[in-house]
C-alpha atoms as a PDB file:
ATOM      1  CA  MET A   1      -0.072  -0.214  -0.358  1.00  0.00           C
ATOM      2  CA  SER A   2       0.803   3.788  -0.628  1.00  0.00           C
ATOM      3  CA  SER A   3       2.209   6.305   1.903  1.00  0.00           C
ATOM      4  CA  GLU A   4       0.043   8.375  -0.149  1.00  0.00           C
ATOM      5  CA  ALA A   5      -3.637   5.976   0.360  1.00  0.00           C
ATOM      6  CA  LEU A   6      -3.253   6.641   4.366  1.00  0.00           C
ATOM      7  CA  ASP A   7      -2.278   9.702   3.960  1.00  0.00           C
ATOM      8  CA  PRO A   8      -5.669  11.782   4.761  1.00  0.00           C
ATOM      9  CA  ALA A   9      -4.827  15.008   3.066  1.00  0.00           C
ATOM     10  CA  VAL A  10      -4.153  13.484   0.285  1.00  0.00           C
ATOM     11  CA  VAL A  11      -7.137  13.138  -2.584  1.00  0.00           C
ATOM     12  CA  VAL A  12      -7.736  11.103  -5.482  1.00  0.00           C
ATOM     13  CA  LEU A  13      -9.858  11.726  -7.658  1.00  0.00           C
ATOM     14  CA  HIS A  14     -11.066  10.311 -10.057  1.00  0.00           C
ATOM     15  CA  ASP A  15     -12.842  11.156 -13.821  1.00  0.00           C
ATOM     16  CA  ASP A  16     -16.547  11.006 -14.007  1.00  0.00           C
ATOM     17  CA  GLY A  17     -16.893  13.054 -16.846  1.00  0.00           C
ATOM     18  CA  PRO A  18     -16.709  16.981 -17.424  1.00  0.00           C
ATOM     19  CA  SER A  19     -16.192  18.883 -14.422  1.00  0.00           C
ATOM     20  CA  PHE A  20     -18.339  21.456 -14.243  1.00  0.00           C
ATOM     21  CA  ASP A  21     -15.866  24.419 -14.847  1.00  0.00           C
ATOM     22  CA  ASP A  22     -15.554  22.629 -18.134  1.00  0.00           C
ATOM     23  CA  LEU A  23     -19.390  22.917 -18.611  1.00  0.00           C
ATOM     24  CA  TYR A  24     -18.587  26.906 -17.256  1.00  0.00           C
ATOM     25  CA  ARG A  25     -16.448  28.059 -19.851  1.00  0.00           C
ATOM     26  CA  ARG A  26     -17.850  26.134 -22.943  1.00  0.00           C
ATOM     27  CA  GLU A  27     -21.682  26.453 -22.842  1.00  0.00           C
ATOM     28  CA  HIS A  28     -21.678  30.356 -21.014  1.00  0.00           C
ATOM     29  CA  ARG A  29     -21.273  31.990 -23.948  1.00  0.00           C
ATOM     30  CA  PRO A  30     -23.727  30.058 -26.121  1.00  0.00           C
ATOM     31  CA  LEU A  31     -26.816  30.160 -23.543  1.00  0.00           C
ATOM     32  CA  LEU A  32     -26.131  34.352 -23.740  1.00  0.00           C
ATOM     33  CA  ARG A  33     -26.963  34.116 -26.828  1.00  0.00           C
ATOM     34  CA  LEU A  34     -29.925  31.304 -26.750  1.00  0.00           C
ATOM     35  CA  ALA A  35     -31.482  34.273 -23.482  1.00  0.00           C
ATOM     36  CA  TRP A  36     -30.564  37.564 -24.868  1.00  0.00           C
ATOM     37  CA  THR A  37     -32.754  35.843 -28.524  1.00  0.00           C
ATOM     38  CA  LEU A  38     -35.081  35.407 -26.440  1.00  0.00           C
ATOM     39  CA  THR A  39     -35.581  38.116 -23.487  1.00  0.00           C
ATOM     40  CA  GLY A  40     -33.683  40.634 -24.859  1.00  0.00           C
ATOM     41  CA  ARG A  41     -32.639  41.739 -22.992  1.00  0.00           C
ATOM     42  CA  ARG A  42     -28.604  41.598 -21.872  1.00  0.00           C
ATOM     43  CA  ASP A  43     -28.834  42.378 -18.360  1.00  0.00           C
ATOM     44  CA  LEU A  44     -31.939  39.810 -18.310  1.00  0.00           C
ATOM     45  CA  ALA A  45     -30.146  37.407 -20.070  1.00  0.00           C
ATOM     46  CA  GLU A  46     -27.108  37.006 -17.439  1.00  0.00           C
ATOM     47  CA  GLU A  47     -29.401  37.026 -14.558  1.00  0.00           C
ATOM     48  CA  LEU A  48     -31.030  34.162 -16.255  1.00  0.00           C
ATOM     49  CA  VAL A  49     -27.599  32.260 -17.109  1.00  0.00           C
ATOM     50  CA  GLN A  50     -25.976  33.013 -13.782  1.00  0.00           C
ATOM     51  CA  ASP A  51     -29.622  30.988 -12.110  1.00  0.00           C
ATOM     52  CA  ALA A  52     -29.489  28.704 -15.336  1.00  0.00           C
ATOM     53  CA  MET A  53     -25.682  27.760 -13.972  1.00  0.00           C
ATOM     54  CA  LEU A  54     -26.822  28.032 -10.434  1.00  0.00           C
ATOM     55  CA  VAL A  55     -29.054  25.248 -10.683  1.00  0.00           C
ATOM     56  CA  VAL A  56     -26.948  22.696 -12.531  1.00  0.00           C
ATOM     57  CA  HIS A  57     -23.865  23.500 -10.018  1.00  0.00           C
ATOM     58  CA  ARG A  58     -26.243  22.590  -6.521  1.00  0.00           C
ATOM     59  CA  ASP A  59     -26.932  19.495  -8.343  1.00  0.00           C
ATOM     60  CA  TRP A  60     -23.634  18.537 -10.633  1.00  0.00           C
ATOM     61  CA  ASP A  61     -22.883  14.944  -9.055  1.00  0.00           C
ATOM     62  CA  ARG A  62     -25.988  14.108 -10.600  1.00  0.00           C
ATOM     63  CA  VAL A  63     -26.045  16.448 -14.200  1.00  0.00           C
ATOM     64  CA  ARG A  64     -22.823  15.301 -14.413  1.00  0.00           C
ATOM     65  CA  ARG A  65     -24.210  12.177 -15.408  1.00  0.00           C
ATOM     66  CA  TYR A  66     -26.613  12.629 -17.785  1.00  0.00           C
ATOM     67  CA  GLU A  67     -25.755  11.881 -21.667  1.00  0.00           C
ATOM     68  CA  SER A  68     -26.045  16.392 -21.802  1.00  0.00           C
ATOM     69  CA  PRO A  69     -25.407  18.432 -19.889  1.00  0.00           C
ATOM     70  CA  GLY A  70     -25.011  21.061 -22.435  1.00  0.00           C
ATOM     71  CA  GLY A  71     -27.990  20.176 -23.428  1.00  0.00           C
ATOM     72  CA  PHE A  72     -29.947  19.524 -19.107  1.00  0.00           C
ATOM     73  CA  VAL A  73     -28.966  23.281 -18.256  1.00  0.00           C
ATOM     74  CA  ARG A  74     -30.714  24.655 -21.770  1.00  0.00           C
ATOM     75  CA  ARG A  75     -34.023  23.887 -20.422  1.00  0.00           C
ATOM     76  CA  VAL A  76     -33.288  24.769 -16.906  1.00  0.00           C
ATOM     77  CA  LEU A  77     -32.179  28.500 -18.887  1.00  0.00           C
ATOM     78  CA  LEU A  78     -34.950  27.675 -21.472  1.00  0.00           C
ATOM     79  CA  ASN A  79     -37.480  27.075 -18.471  1.00  0.00           C
ATOM     80  CA  ALA A  80     -36.316  30.029 -16.001  1.00  0.00           C
ATOM     81  CA  ALA A  81     -37.154  32.704 -19.637  1.00  0.00           C
ATOM     82  CA  THR A  82     -40.839  31.308 -19.796  1.00  0.00           C
ATOM     83  CA  SER A  83     -40.995  32.569 -15.657  1.00  0.00           C
ATOM     84  CA  ALA A  84     -39.573  35.640 -16.408  1.00  0.00           C
ATOM     85  CA  ALA A  85     -41.368  36.027 -19.918  1.00  0.00           C
ATOM     86  CA  ARG A  86     -44.855  35.784 -17.491  1.00  0.00           C
ATOM     87  CA  ARG A  87     -43.939  37.631 -14.932  1.00  0.00           C
ATOM     88  CA  ARG A  88     -42.991  40.463 -16.483  1.00  0.00           C
ATOM     89  CA  ALA A  89     -46.291  39.960 -18.977  1.00  0.00           C
ATOM     90  CA  ALA A  90     -48.375  40.430 -15.541  1.00  0.00           C
ATOM     91  CA  GLU A  91     -46.054  43.219 -13.870  1.00  0.00           C
ATOM     92  CA  GLY A  92     -46.638  44.997 -17.088  1.00  0.00           C
ATOM     93  CA  ARG A  93     -50.458  44.463 -17.155  1.00  0.00           C
ATOM     94  CA  ALA A  94     -49.906  45.541 -13.727  1.00  0.00           C
ATOM     95  CA  VAL A  95     -47.942  48.434 -14.226  1.00  0.00           C
ATOM     96  CA  ALA A  96     -50.017  49.978 -17.099  1.00  0.00           C
ATOM     97  CA  ARG A  97     -52.921  49.546 -14.364  1.00  0.00           C
ATOM     98  CA  VAL A  98     -50.988  52.769 -13.081  1.00  0.00           C
ATOM     99  CA  PRO A  99     -51.956  56.054 -13.556  1.00  0.00           C
ATOM    100  CA  THR A 100     -48.651  57.573 -14.470  1.00  0.00           C
ATOM    101  CA  ASP A 101     -49.819  61.362 -13.933  1.00  0.00           C
ATOM    102  CA  GLY A 102     -48.126  62.552 -17.366  1.00  0.00           C
ATOM    103  CA  VAL A 103     -44.890  60.521 -16.105  1.00  0.00           C
ATOM    104  CA  HIS A 104     -43.232  58.038 -19.416  1.00  0.00           C
ATOM    105  CA  ARG A 105     -41.491  54.148 -18.274  1.00  0.00           C
ATOM    106  CA  ASP A 106     -38.428  53.813 -19.601  1.00  0.00           C
ATOM    107  CA  GLU A 107     -38.955  51.788 -23.218  1.00  0.00           C
ATOM    108  CA  LEU A 108     -36.301  49.226 -24.223  1.00  0.00           C
ATOM    109  CA  PRO A 109     -33.981  50.233 -27.122  1.00  0.00           C
ATOM    110  CA  PRO A 110     -34.545  49.646 -30.886  1.00  0.00           C
ATOM    111  CA  ASP A 111     -34.386  45.670 -30.806  1.00  0.00           C
ATOM    112  CA  ASP A 112     -33.657  44.306 -34.744  1.00  0.00           C
ATOM    113  CA  ALA A 113     -36.520  42.956 -36.033  1.00  0.00           C
ATOM    114  CA  PHE A 114     -36.601  39.272 -36.643  1.00  0.00           C
ATOM    115  CA  TRP A 115     -35.285  39.060 -32.962  1.00  0.00           C
ATOM    116  CA  SER A 116     -38.276  41.239 -31.545  1.00  0.00           C
ATOM    117  CA  ALA A 117     -40.211  39.152 -34.539  1.00  0.00           C
ATOM    118  CA  LEU A 118     -38.970  36.081 -32.956  1.00  0.00           C
ATOM    119  CA  ARG A 119     -40.063  36.833 -29.115  1.00  0.00           C
ATOM    120  CA  SER A 120     -42.881  37.235 -29.882  1.00  0.00           C
ATOM    121  CA  LEU A 121     -44.243  33.334 -31.859  1.00  0.00           C
ATOM    122  CA  PRO A 122     -45.285  31.361 -29.010  1.00  0.00           C
ATOM    123  CA  GLU A 123     -43.566  29.668 -26.373  1.00  0.00           C
ATOM    124  CA  ARG A 124     -42.483  25.576 -28.242  1.00  0.00           C
ATOM    125  CA  GLN A 125     -41.731  27.722 -31.154  1.00  0.00           C
ATOM    126  CA  ALA A 126     -39.427  30.265 -30.030  1.00  0.00           C
ATOM    127  CA  HIS A 127     -37.334  28.052 -28.513  1.00  0.00           C
ATOM    128  CA  ALA A 128     -37.465  25.443 -31.786  1.00  0.00           C
ATOM    129  CA  VAL A 129     -36.460  27.987 -34.200  1.00  0.00           C
ATOM    130  CA  ALA A 130     -33.780  30.522 -31.148  1.00  0.00           C
ATOM    131  CA  LEU A 131     -32.068  26.278 -30.747  1.00  0.00           C
ATOM    132  CA  HIS A 132     -32.019  26.046 -33.918  1.00  0.00           C
ATOM    133  CA  TYR A 133     -30.678  29.078 -36.448  1.00  0.00           C
ATOM    134  CA  LEU A 134     -28.153  30.037 -32.935  1.00  0.00           C
ATOM    135  CA  GLU A 135     -27.563  27.483 -31.913  1.00  0.00           C
ATOM    136  CA  ASP A 136     -27.097  25.724 -34.581  1.00  0.00           C
ATOM    137  CA  LEU A 137     -28.948  22.417 -32.960  1.00  0.00           C
ATOM    138  CA  PRO A 138     -29.943  19.930 -34.850  1.00  0.00           C
ATOM    139  CA  VAL A 139     -33.685  18.123 -34.735  1.00  0.00           C
ATOM    140  CA  SER A 140     -32.586  15.013 -32.668  1.00  0.00           C
ATOM    141  CA  GLU A 141     -30.526  17.482 -29.671  1.00  0.00           C
ATOM    142  CA  ILE A 142     -33.449  19.907 -29.821  1.00  0.00           C
ATOM    143  CA  ALA A 143     -35.945  17.113 -28.806  1.00  0.00           C
ATOM    144  CA  ARG A 144     -33.771  16.218 -25.842  1.00  0.00           C
ATOM    145  CA  VAL A 145     -33.642  19.832 -24.276  1.00  0.00           C
ATOM    146  CA  LEU A 146     -36.683  20.652 -24.802  1.00  0.00           C
ATOM    147  CA  GLU A 147     -38.562  16.951 -23.463  1.00  0.00           C
ATOM    148  CA  ILE A 148     -40.177  16.691 -27.465  1.00  0.00           C
ATOM    149  CA  ALA A 149     -40.297  14.058 -29.875  1.00  0.00           C
ATOM    150  CA  GLU A 150     -38.459  14.300 -32.902  1.00  0.00           C
ATOM    151  CA  GLY A 151     -41.684  14.750 -35.271  1.00  0.00           C
ATOM    152  CA  THR A 152     -42.792  18.515 -32.473  1.00  0.00           C
ATOM    153  CA  VAL A 153     -39.554  20.160 -33.440  1.00  0.00           C
ATOM    154  CA  LYS A 154     -40.118  19.986 -36.672  1.00  0.00           C
ATOM    155  CA  VAL A 155     -43.858  20.805 -36.696  1.00  0.00           C
ATOM    156  CA  HIS A 156     -42.402  23.795 -34.751  1.00  0.00           C
ATOM    157  CA  LEU A 157     -39.646  24.600 -36.183  1.00  0.00           C
ATOM    158  CA  HIS A 158     -41.736  25.165 -39.024  1.00  0.00           C
ATOM    159  CA  ARG A 159     -44.295  26.858 -38.266  1.00  0.00           C
ATOM    160  CA  GLY A 160     -42.548  29.447 -36.451  1.00  0.00           C
ATOM    161  CA  ARG A 161     -40.268  29.949 -40.090  1.00  0.00           C
ATOM    162  CA  LEU A 162     -43.736  31.100 -41.531  1.00  0.00           C
ATOM    163  CA  ALA A 163     -45.137  32.636 -38.742  1.00  0.00           C
ATOM    164  CA  LEU A 164     -41.659  34.865 -39.131  1.00  0.00           C
ATOM    165  CA  ALA A 165     -41.472  34.896 -42.370  1.00  0.00           C
ATOM    166  CA  GLU A 166     -45.033  36.688 -42.259  1.00  0.00           C
ATOM    167  CA  LEU A 167     -44.307  39.096 -38.991  1.00  0.00           C
ATOM    168  CA  LEU A 168     -41.477  40.288 -41.088  1.00  0.00           C
ATOM    169  CA  ARG A 169     -43.480  40.589 -44.273  1.00  0.00           C
ATOM    170  CA  ASP A 170     -46.100  42.615 -42.333  1.00  0.00           C
ATOM    171  CA  GLU A 171     -43.689  44.895 -41.054  1.00  0.00           C
ATOM    172  CA  LEU A 172     -41.413  45.201 -44.680  1.00  0.00           C
ATOM    173  CA  GLU A 173     -44.755  45.802 -45.721  1.00  0.00           C
ATOM    174  CA  GLU A 174     -45.932  49.063 -42.915  1.00  0.00           C
ATOM    175  CA  GLY A 175     -42.030  50.791 -43.253  1.00  0.00           C
END
């Protein structure tokens, strides 16, 4: 028996797959782009990514064994983005009911028409389109991330493309 095996101060780590740090370094920027695409706000996107990474970090012993830890963190992020959108919509409705007495609320800076149109799509269509075109994920990976069938992903992508084409065409005609 080696002296290291008897020394409790020496910890021998076994390779159990990628470390959380590896996942963070690899996925942070793509997740930030995805979150920004869905929210249109960098500050909110950064917060959502950090929250998603915190969830993954807390459960890292379990998550590291998943086939796709990156897919799992995307699922967490998409759920958080959906919750944030619902919360902002509810807050917006509440604020709209409050008299402003001539005070104007700050508005977001102008946004690219495509990403604005994407955010107006139904939730699953927006998620599928963002994952496909922004993240360049294949249908099979999108299906894993969204936990739906590949055929359903294809339907969401098809309907999302049609809706985006119509929304963008309408904007061009108005502009």
